[in-house]
Amino acid sequence: MRGSSHPWLLTSLMLAMLGAGCEPDPSASAFGDQITDAGSGGGDGAVALDGAASGTTPYTGAWALATDWSVCVTIGDQRIETRSRKLLLVTMTRKGNRILERRQVCQLQLTPIFSLKTVVPDVVLQAVPVLEVESRVLGEGSEEVAYAGGIEAQLMGLSMGNPVYDEMPTKDQPSDPRLTDPEADGHPGATFVVGAGCELYVAQREVSSLAGRLVSVDRFEGTGVHATEQVVFGSSKPFCGQTFKTFSNTPHHRFVLQRMNVAAWDDDKSGAVDCTELMAHQTELVTWATPDDSRCPKVAL
């Protein structure tokens, strides 16, 4: 997908948040989003409960975040829902009315389309830097405590000074100095694997923001907005280099943000929860939504 002028990302996110019931404009992208190949990812990072017990220092400490995005894909005359799922370790620090977050991506998964799935090698996921987000918690002391997440920008296959606002490279710029090659395979950008071994060479930017409320002690739930830009520089086989119309299905996004249960999830008793342990306890944090094509409206794109 060709990069567009930079204001669209922030503008489209804010409009979607205000009008979540409206279908956003479709965007072309290469087939599918991504999952991790071994499901590990996330490097060597771990999050420990930093001594701040729940209720002692509100919101400061170790948290777990699960996002479950709905993406509609149009193939021929069919509209198919895929669920793009992400698990992250989060360190939250309270600064007045601000919540400073450091998020580490542990896992990315996408439900298959016609039995095909797109895999991001672990080396690509491990190259994603820690995501720094500034959020707010509103209405403390009232019956309705709201969480307003800051904008998260995740890059794969490229590096940017300003990952939200900088323009993406275009497909005719495979030598753009911002492109990275995390696999060191000589192809521009990151290499994704689609289906039975088809390689896709891409630069990808995923931008999102969350909005929810406190549903129980130390647990937020809600929805969000999500947009992906992807530039395809080539593929090893024609079938995985083609593009399809997609759109982020805003009304059916969801997230869970919960204070980390370090005592129960620290399986190796190291004093910290790492990505492997978070994934092992995923069902205690969230139940992923099952894809349902009826969530994708049958309207002209």
Protein backbone atom coordinates (compact mmCIF):
# COMPACT_ATOMS: atom_id res chain seq x y z
CA MET A 1 0.00 0.00 0.00
CA ARG A 2 1.39 3.36 -0.97
CA GLY A 3 2.28 5.72 1.87
CA SER A 4 0.01 8.76 2.18
CA SER A 5 0.47 12.21 3.67
CA HIS A 6 1.20 11.93 7.36
CA PRO A 7 -1.83 13.60 9.02
CA TRP A 8 -4.23 10.85 7.93
CA LEU A 9 -3.21 8.42 10.66
CA LEU A 10 -4.00 10.63 13.63
CA THR A 11 -7.06 12.13 11.96
CA SER A 12 -8.57 8.78 11.00
CA LEU A 13 -7.97 7.40 14.49
CA MET A 14 -9.73 10.32 16.14
CA LEU A 15 -12.67 10.24 13.72
CA ALA A 16 -13.07 6.51 14.24
CA MET A 17 -13.08 6.97 18.00
CA LEU A 18 -15.85 9.57 17.72
CA GLY A 19 -17.94 7.57 15.29
CA ALA A 20 -17.20 3.93 15.99
CA GLY A 21 -20.37 2.78 14.27
CA CYS A 22 -19.25 4.05 10.86
CA GLU A 23 -17.21 2.01 8.43
CA PRO A 24 -13.87 3.66 7.71
CA ASP A 25 -12.54 4.00 4.19
CA PRO A 26 -10.99 0.74 2.94
CA SER A 27 -7.28 0.48 2.45
CA ALA A 28 -5.36 -1.90 0.22
CA SER A 29 -2.78 -4.10 1.88
CA ALA A 30 -0.86 -7.27 1.20
CA PHE A 31 -2.59 -10.48 2.15
CA GLY A 32 -3.20 -10.76 5.85
CA ASP A 33 -1.64 -9.27 8.93
CA GLN A 34 0.81 -11.16 11.07
CA ILE A 35 1.36 -13.84 13.67
CA THR A 36 4.56 -14.99 15.30
CA ASP A 37 5.99 -18.24 14.04
CA ALA A 38 6.91 -19.86 17.36
CA GLY A 39 4.62 -17.68 19.43
CA SER A 40 7.49 -16.55 21.61
CA GLY A 41 8.85 -13.25 20.32
CA GLY A 42 9.41 -10.23 22.48
CA GLY A 43 13.11 -10.75 23.16
CA ASP A 44 14.40 -11.26 26.69
CA GLY A 45 12.26 -8.64 28.39
CA ALA A 46 10.25 -9.33 31.50
CA VAL A 47 8.03 -7.29 33.78
CA ALA A 48 8.23 -7.57 37.54
CA LEU A 49 5.83 -6.20 40.14
CA ASP A 50 7.94 -3.27 41.33
CA GLY A 51 6.80 -3.35 44.94
CA ALA A 52 3.70 -1.25 44.29
CA ALA A 53 0.81 -3.33 45.54
CA SER A 54 -2.60 -2.73 44.05
CA GLY A 55 -4.20 0.26 45.75
CA THR A 56 -0.92 1.55 47.19
CA THR A 57 0.38 3.39 44.14
CA PRO A 58 -2.57 3.47 41.71
CA TYR A 59 -1.66 2.17 38.26
CA THR A 60 2.11 2.10 38.83
CA GLY A 61 3.52 -1.38 38.29
CA ALA A 62 3.41 -4.34 35.93
CA TRP A 63 0.39 -4.89 33.68
CA ALA A 64 -0.62 -7.21 30.84
CA LEU A 65 -2.35 -5.94 27.70
CA ALA A 66 -4.32 -7.98 25.16
CA THR A 67 -5.70 -6.32 22.02
CA ASP A 68 -8.11 -8.12 19.69
CA TRP A 69 -8.65 -6.21 16.43
CA SER A 70 -11.33 -7.04 13.85
CA VAL A 71 -10.20 -6.68 10.22
CA CYS A 72 -12.51 -7.26 7.25
CA VAL A 73 -10.98 -8.56 4.02
CA THR A 74 -12.77 -8.50 0.66
CA ILE A 75 -11.86 -11.37 -1.67
CA GLY A 76 -14.01 -11.52 -4.78
CA ASP A 77 -17.59 -11.13 -3.60
CA GLN A 78 -16.84 -12.41 -0.10
CA ARG A 79 -16.27 -10.34 3.02
CA ILE A 80 -14.21 -12.22 5.64
CA GLU A 81 -13.38 -11.26 9.22
CA THR A 82 -9.92 -11.94 10.60
CA ARG A 83 -8.93 -11.30 14.21
CA SER A 84 -5.54 -9.70 14.78
CA ARG A 85 -4.45 -10.54 18.33
CA LYS A 86 -1.59 -9.09 20.34
CA LEU A 87 -0.19 -9.72 23.83
CA LEU A 88 2.07 -7.15 25.48
CA LEU A 89 3.96 -6.73 28.74
CA VAL A 90 3.38 -3.23 30.10
CA THR A 91 5.19 -1.20 32.75
CA MET A 92 3.01 1.69 33.96
CA THR A 93 4.27 4.72 35.90
CA ARG A 94 1.92 7.28 37.44
CA LYS A 95 2.92 10.93 36.86
CA GLY A 96 0.16 13.18 38.16
CA ASN A 97 -2.82 12.64 35.88
CA ARG A 98 -0.65 10.92 33.28
CA ILE A 99 0.15 7.24 32.94
CA LEU A 100 3.49 6.61 31.22
CA GLU A 101 3.55 3.17 29.63
CA ARG A 102 6.34 1.05 28.19
CA ARG A 103 4.87 -1.77 26.13
CA GLN A 104 6.76 -4.81 24.89
CA VAL A 105 5.13 -6.89 22.17
CA CYS A 106 5.20 -10.59 23.06
CA GLN A 107 2.90 -12.16 20.51
CA LEU A 108 1.04 -11.33 17.29
CA GLN A 109 -1.50 -13.69 15.80
CA LEU A 110 -3.94 -13.48 12.90
CA THR A 111 -6.67 -15.99 12.26
CA PRO A 112 -6.26 -17.69 8.86
CA ILE A 113 -8.09 -16.70 5.69
CA PHE A 114 -9.09 -19.74 3.62
CA SER A 115 -6.58 -21.78 5.68
CA LEU A 116 -3.77 -19.35 4.79
CA LYS A 117 -1.96 -17.47 7.52
CA THR A 118 0.81 -14.90 7.52
CA VAL A 119 3.77 -15.51 9.82
CA VAL A 120 6.25 -12.96 11.11
CA PRO A 121 9.54 -14.65 12.08
CA ASP A 122 10.57 -14.18 15.69
CA VAL A 123 13.61 -12.15 14.63
CA VAL A 124 11.27 -9.53 13.13
CA LEU A 125 9.13 -9.33 16.25
CA GLN A 126 12.16 -9.12 18.52
CA ALA A 127 13.40 -6.15 16.49
CA VAL A 128 10.29 -4.13 17.42
CA PRO A 129 11.46 -1.58 20.02
CA VAL A 130 9.65 -0.99 23.30
CA LEU A 131 6.57 1.13 22.56
CA GLU A 132 6.25 4.26 24.68
CA VAL A 133 2.70 5.51 25.22
CA GLU A 134 1.31 8.34 27.37
CA SER A 135 -2.23 7.60 28.58
CA ARG A 136 -4.74 9.09 31.02
CA VAL A 137 -7.06 7.70 33.67
CA LEU A 138 -10.11 9.93 34.08
CA GLY A 139 -12.86 10.19 36.67
CA GLU A 140 -10.99 8.76 39.63
CA GLY A 141 -13.18 8.74 42.73
CA SER A 142 -16.35 8.45 40.66
CA GLU A 143 -18.40 5.40 39.74
CA GLU A 144 -17.09 5.47 36.16
CA VAL A 145 -13.28 5.47 35.86
CA ALA A 146 -12.20 5.78 32.23
CA TYR A 147 -8.95 4.83 30.52
CA ALA A 148 -7.86 6.97 27.56
CA GLY A 149 -4.93 5.27 25.89
CA GLY A 150 -2.29 7.23 24.05
CA ILE A 151 -1.33 6.56 20.45
CA GLU A 152 0.83 3.46 19.91
CA ALA A 153 2.90 3.19 16.73
CA GLN A 154 4.52 -0.15 15.93
CA LEU A 155 6.96 -0.44 13.04
CA MET A 156 8.27 -3.52 11.27
CA GLY A 157 10.88 -3.41 8.56
CA LEU A 158 11.65 0.28 9.02
CA SER A 159 12.76 2.91 11.51
CA MET A 160 11.35 6.46 11.76
CA GLY A 161 12.19 9.55 13.75
CA ASN A 162 8.47 10.14 14.29
CA PRO A 163 6.68 6.81 13.80
CA VAL A 164 3.20 8.40 13.87
CA TYR A 165 3.67 11.36 11.51
CA ASP A 166 6.55 10.50 9.16
CA GLU A 167 5.57 9.47 5.65
CA MET A 168 5.98 5.85 4.68
CA PRO A 169 8.39 4.88 1.89
CA THR A 170 6.82 3.92 -1.42
CA LYS A 171 7.19 0.62 -3.25
CA ASP A 172 9.58 2.21 -5.76
CA GLN A 173 11.96 3.20 -2.92
CA PRO A 174 13.54 -0.13 -1.86
CA SER A 175 16.75 1.74 -0.99
CA ASP A 176 15.08 4.15 1.45
CA PRO A 177 17.65 4.47 4.29
CA ARG A 178 14.88 4.08 6.89
CA LEU A 179 14.23 0.49 5.81
CA THR A 180 15.65 -2.24 8.01
CA ASP A 181 16.43 -5.88 7.31
CA PRO A 182 15.96 -7.68 10.65
CA GLU A 183 16.49 -11.13 9.09
CA ALA A 184 19.62 -9.99 7.22
CA ASP A 185 18.32 -11.81 4.13
CA GLY A 186 19.13 -8.99 1.70
CA HIS A 187 15.51 -8.07 0.96
CA PRO A 188 14.19 -4.60 1.81
CA GLY A 189 12.09 -4.36 4.94
CA ALA A 190 10.82 -7.27 6.99
CA THR A 191 10.15 -10.69 5.50
CA PHE A 192 6.76 -12.25 6.27
CA VAL A 193 5.86 -15.80 5.27
CA VAL A 194 2.43 -16.47 3.75
CA GLY A 195 0.94 -19.95 3.42
CA ALA A 196 3.32 -22.63 2.21
CA GLY A 197 6.56 -20.69 2.16
CA CYS A 198 5.77 -17.61 0.09
CA GLU A 199 7.93 -14.71 1.26
CA LEU A 200 6.58 -11.16 1.35
CA TYR A 201 8.97 -8.20 1.70
CA VAL A 202 7.30 -5.30 3.48
CA ALA A 203 7.53 -2.18 5.58
CA GLN A 204 4.60 -1.92 7.97
CA ARG A 205 3.24 0.66 10.38
CA GLU A 206 0.42 -0.19 12.81
CA VAL A 207 -1.10 2.69 14.77
CA SER A 208 -3.73 2.25 17.48
CA SER A 209 -5.33 3.84 20.51
CA LEU A 210 -7.48 2.35 23.28
CA ALA A 211 -10.53 3.65 25.15
CA GLY A 212 -12.22 1.80 28.00
CA ARG A 213 -13.24 1.79 31.63
CA LEU A 214 -12.35 0.17 34.92
CA VAL A 215 -14.52 -2.94 35.24
CA SER A 216 -13.02 -4.37 38.43
CA VAL A 217 -10.04 -3.76 40.67
CA ASP A 218 -6.97 -3.29 38.44
CA ARG A 219 -8.69 -4.33 35.19
CA PHE A 220 -9.72 -2.13 32.27
CA GLU A 221 -11.76 -3.30 29.29
CA GLY A 222 -12.94 -1.51 26.20
CA THR A 223 -12.50 -0.91 22.50
CA GLY A 224 -10.13 1.13 20.36
CA VAL A 225 -9.16 2.31 16.92
CA HIS A 226 -6.59 0.69 14.69
CA ALA A 227 -5.01 1.36 11.29
CA THR A 228 -2.28 -0.38 9.32
CA GLU A 229 -0.12 0.93 6.47
CA GLN A 230 1.86 -1.64 4.54
CA VAL A 231 4.26 -1.18 1.63
CA VAL A 232 5.09 -4.32 -0.36
CA PHE A 233 8.46 -4.32 -2.14
CA GLY A 234 8.12 -7.78 -3.65
CA SER A 235 7.40 -11.45 -3.01
CA SER A 236 8.95 -14.81 -3.81
CA LYS A 237 5.71 -16.03 -5.46
CA PRO A 238 2.98 -13.99 -7.16
CA PHE A 239 0.06 -15.22 -5.03
CA CYS A 240 1.21 -13.61 -1.78
CA GLY A 241 2.19 -10.32 -3.40
CA GLN A 242 -1.33 -9.42 -4.49
CA THR A 243 -3.42 -6.87 -2.59
CA PHE A 244 -6.96 -6.98 -1.25
CA LYS A 245 -9.36 -4.39 0.05
CA THR A 246 -9.40 -4.35 3.83
CA PHE A 247 -10.79 -2.17 6.55
CA SER A 248 -10.43 -1.99 10.30
CA ASN A 249 -13.81 -3.03 11.72
CA THR A 250 -13.92 -0.53 14.58
CA PRO A 251 -17.19 -1.57 16.31
CA HIS A 252 -15.77 -5.04 16.99
CA HIS A 253 -12.36 -4.18 18.44
CA ARG A 254 -11.69 -4.99 22.08
CA PHE A 255 -8.89 -4.88 24.65
CA VAL A 256 -8.11 -5.97 28.20
CA LEU A 257 -5.52 -4.23 30.39
CA GLN A 258 -4.95 -5.89 33.74
CA ARG A 259 -2.42 -5.58 36.54
CA MET A 260 0.02 -8.45 36.26
CA ASN A 261 -0.58 -11.46 38.48
CA VAL A 262 3.14 -11.95 39.06
CA ALA A 263 2.75 -14.41 41.94
CA ALA A 264 0.65 -16.77 39.82
CA TRP A 265 2.27 -16.25 36.40
CA ASP A 266 5.96 -16.25 37.35
CA ASP A 267 6.41 -19.94 36.59
CA ASP A 268 10.19 -20.00 36.97
CA LYS A 269 10.03 -17.96 40.21
CA SER A 270 12.47 -15.39 38.87
CA GLY A 271 10.50 -12.48 40.30
CA ALA A 272 9.36 -11.34 36.86
CA VAL A 273 6.90 -12.40 34.17
CA ASP A 274 8.42 -12.75 30.71
CA CYS A 275 6.75 -13.16 27.33
CA THR A 276 6.74 -16.95 27.47
CA GLU A 277 4.98 -16.91 30.83
CA LEU A 278 2.45 -14.30 29.72
CA MET A 279 1.51 -16.40 26.69
CA ALA A 280 1.23 -19.50 28.86
CA HIS A 281 -1.34 -17.71 31.03
CA GLN A 282 -3.18 -15.94 28.19
CA THR A 283 -6.50 -17.68 28.93
CA GLU A 284 -6.44 -16.23 32.45
CA LEU A 285 -6.21 -12.75 30.95
CA VAL A 286 -8.50 -12.85 27.92
CA THR A 287 -10.64 -15.11 25.74
CA TRP A 288 -10.03 -14.29 22.10
CA ALA A 289 -13.06 -13.52 19.95
CA THR A 290 -13.92 -16.12 17.31
CA PRO A 291 -14.00 -14.77 13.73
CA ASP A 292 -17.52 -14.19 12.43
CA ASP A 293 -17.97 -13.02 8.84
CA SER A 294 -21.38 -11.55 9.70
CA ARG A 295 -19.55 -8.78 11.57
CA CYS A 296 -18.28 -7.48 8.22
CA PRO A 297 -21.09 -5.52 6.55
CA LYS A 298 -21.92 -6.36 2.95
CA VAL A 299 -21.61 -2.88 1.50
CA ALA A 300 -19.78 -1.62 -1.56
CA LEU A 301 -16.17 -0.62 -0.99
